[in-house]
């Protein structure tokens, strides 16, 4: 498992670029194994709130593949 942030409830230390190109299911599984508490997969162009949630990892998934990955 990847190391987690030193702060309680913080984001895990992870290479977000490593998720790009992965199949959605594999990316979600990897994110949870690396300590992300919430993993959200969204279609391209999805309307989302701008609230930042510590511990959440977001994916844009197109054609079953992760195209974008960001925190919060």
C-alpha atoms as a PDB file:
ATOM      1  CA  UNK A   1       0.000   0.000   0.000  1.00  0.00           C
ATOM      2  CA  UNK A   2       1.271   3.501  -0.751  1.00  0.00           C
ATOM      3  CA  UNK A   3       2.112   5.756   2.141  1.00  0.00           C
ATOM      4  CA  UNK A   4      -0.594   8.072   3.398  1.00  0.00           C
ATOM      5  CA  UNK A   5      -0.428  11.725   4.288  1.00  0.00           C
ATOM      6  CA  UNK A   6       0.985  12.574   7.715  1.00  0.00           C
ATOM      7  CA  UNK A   7      -2.157  14.592   8.447  1.00  0.00           C
ATOM      8  CA  UNK A   8      -5.287  12.791   9.674  1.00  0.00           C
ATOM      9  CA  UNK A   9      -7.809  12.622   6.865  1.00  0.00           C
ATOM     10  CA  UNK A  10      -5.248  13.822   4.306  1.00  0.00           C
ATOM     11  CA  UNK A  11      -4.742  12.697   0.753  1.00  0.00           C
ATOM     12  CA  UNK A  12      -2.589   9.622   0.159  1.00  0.00           C
ATOM     13  CA  UNK A  13       0.753  10.218  -1.544  1.00  0.00           C
ATOM     14  CA  UNK A  14       0.167   8.870  -5.037  1.00  0.00           C
ATOM     15  CA  UNK A  15       1.229   9.402  -8.660  1.00  0.00           C
ATOM     16  CA  UNK A  16      -1.953  10.634 -10.319  1.00  0.00           C
ATOM     17  CA  UNK A  17      -0.480  10.276 -13.811  1.00  0.00           C
ATOM     18  CA  UNK A  18      -0.188   6.517 -13.207  1.00  0.00           C
ATOM     19  CA  UNK A  19      -3.994   6.249 -13.482  1.00  0.00           C
ATOM     20  CA  UNK A  20      -4.170   7.686 -16.998  1.00  0.00           C
ATOM     21  CA  UNK A  21      -4.968   5.061 -19.596  1.00  0.00           C
ATOM     22  CA  UNK A  22      -6.076   2.433 -17.080  1.00  0.00           C
ATOM     23  CA  UNK A  23      -9.463   0.728 -17.395  1.00  0.00           C
ATOM     24  CA  UNK A  24     -11.981   2.303 -14.993  1.00  0.00           C
ATOM     25  CA  UNK A  25     -12.323  -0.781 -12.763  1.00  0.00           C
ATOM     26  CA  UNK A  26      -8.564  -1.205 -12.427  1.00  0.00           C
ATOM     27  CA  UNK A  27      -8.062   2.501 -11.644  1.00  0.00           C
ATOM     28  CA  UNK A  28     -10.786   2.469  -8.979  1.00  0.00           C
ATOM     29  CA  UNK A  29      -9.353  -0.660  -7.361  1.00  0.00           C
ATOM     30  CA  UNK A  30      -5.817   0.767  -7.381  1.00  0.00           C
ATOM     31  CA  UNK A  31      -7.017   4.053  -5.857  1.00  0.00           C
ATOM     32  CA  UNK A  32      -8.731   2.275  -2.961  1.00  0.00           C
ATOM     33  CA  UNK A  33      -5.671   0.078  -2.405  1.00  0.00           C
ATOM     34  CA  UNK A  34      -3.559   3.251  -2.238  1.00  0.00           C
ATOM     35  CA  UNK A  35      -5.751   4.707   0.502  1.00  0.00           C
ATOM     36  CA  UNK A  36      -8.238   6.986  -1.239  1.00  0.00           C
ATOM     37  CA  UNK A  37     -11.430   7.089   0.816  1.00  0.00           C
ATOM     38  CA  UNK A  38     -13.667   8.233  -2.049  1.00  0.00           C
ATOM     39  CA  UNK A  39     -13.191   7.455  -5.739  1.00  0.00           C
ATOM     40  CA  UNK A  40     -15.465   9.132  -8.262  1.00  0.00           C
ATOM     41  CA  UNK A  41     -15.612   8.215 -11.971  1.00  0.00           C
ATOM     42  CA  UNK A  42     -17.313  10.713 -14.248  1.00  0.00           C
ATOM     43  CA  UNK A  43     -18.129  10.854 -17.960  1.00  0.00           C
ATOM     44  CA  UNK A  44     -16.523  13.580 -20.105  1.00  0.00           C
ATOM     45  CA  UNK A  45     -18.233  16.939 -19.672  1.00  0.00           C
ATOM     46  CA  UNK A  46     -20.001  15.960 -16.446  1.00  0.00           C
ATOM     47  CA  UNK A  47     -21.205  18.865 -14.345  1.00  0.00           C
ATOM     48  CA  UNK A  48     -19.667  18.633 -10.868  1.00  0.00           C
ATOM     49  CA  UNK A  49     -19.544  20.874  -7.834  1.00  0.00           C
ATOM     50  CA  UNK A  50     -16.332  22.769  -7.146  1.00  0.00           C
ATOM     51  CA  UNK A  51     -16.165  21.686  -3.503  1.00  0.00           C
ATOM     52  CA  UNK A  52     -12.842  20.163  -2.495  1.00  0.00           C
ATOM     53  CA  UNK A  53     -13.136  16.916  -0.541  1.00  0.00           C
ATOM     54  CA  UNK A  54      -9.982  15.651   1.176  1.00  0.00           C
ATOM     55  CA  UNK A  55      -9.357  11.986   0.382  1.00  0.00           C
ATOM     56  CA  UNK A  56     -11.382  12.008  -2.862  1.00  0.00           C
ATOM     57  CA  UNK A  57      -9.880  11.084  -6.218  1.00  0.00           C
ATOM     58  CA  UNK A  58     -11.783  11.937  -9.392  1.00  0.00           C
ATOM     59  CA  UNK A  59     -11.499  10.301 -12.801  1.00  0.00           C
ATOM     60  CA  UNK A  60     -12.862  11.353 -16.164  1.00  0.00           C
ATOM     61  CA  UNK A  61     -13.637   8.078 -17.928  1.00  0.00           C
ATOM     62  CA  UNK A  62     -14.218   7.901 -21.676  1.00  0.00           C
ATOM     63  CA  UNK A  63     -14.750   4.593 -23.460  1.00  0.00           C
ATOM     64  CA  UNK A  64     -14.024   2.726 -20.214  1.00  0.00           C
ATOM     65  CA  UNK A  65     -10.546   4.304 -19.886  1.00  0.00           C
ATOM     66  CA  UNK A  66      -9.308   6.985 -17.464  1.00  0.00           C
ATOM     67  CA  UNK A  67      -8.507  10.155 -19.423  1.00  0.00           C
ATOM     68  CA  UNK A  68      -8.073  12.610 -16.543  1.00  0.00           C
ATOM     69  CA  UNK A  69      -7.364  12.313 -12.820  1.00  0.00           C
ATOM     70  CA  UNK A  70      -7.526  15.015 -10.140  1.00  0.00           C
ATOM     71  CA  UNK A  71      -7.821  15.540  -6.399  1.00  0.00           C
ATOM     72  CA  UNK A  72     -10.841  16.601  -4.422  1.00  0.00           C
END
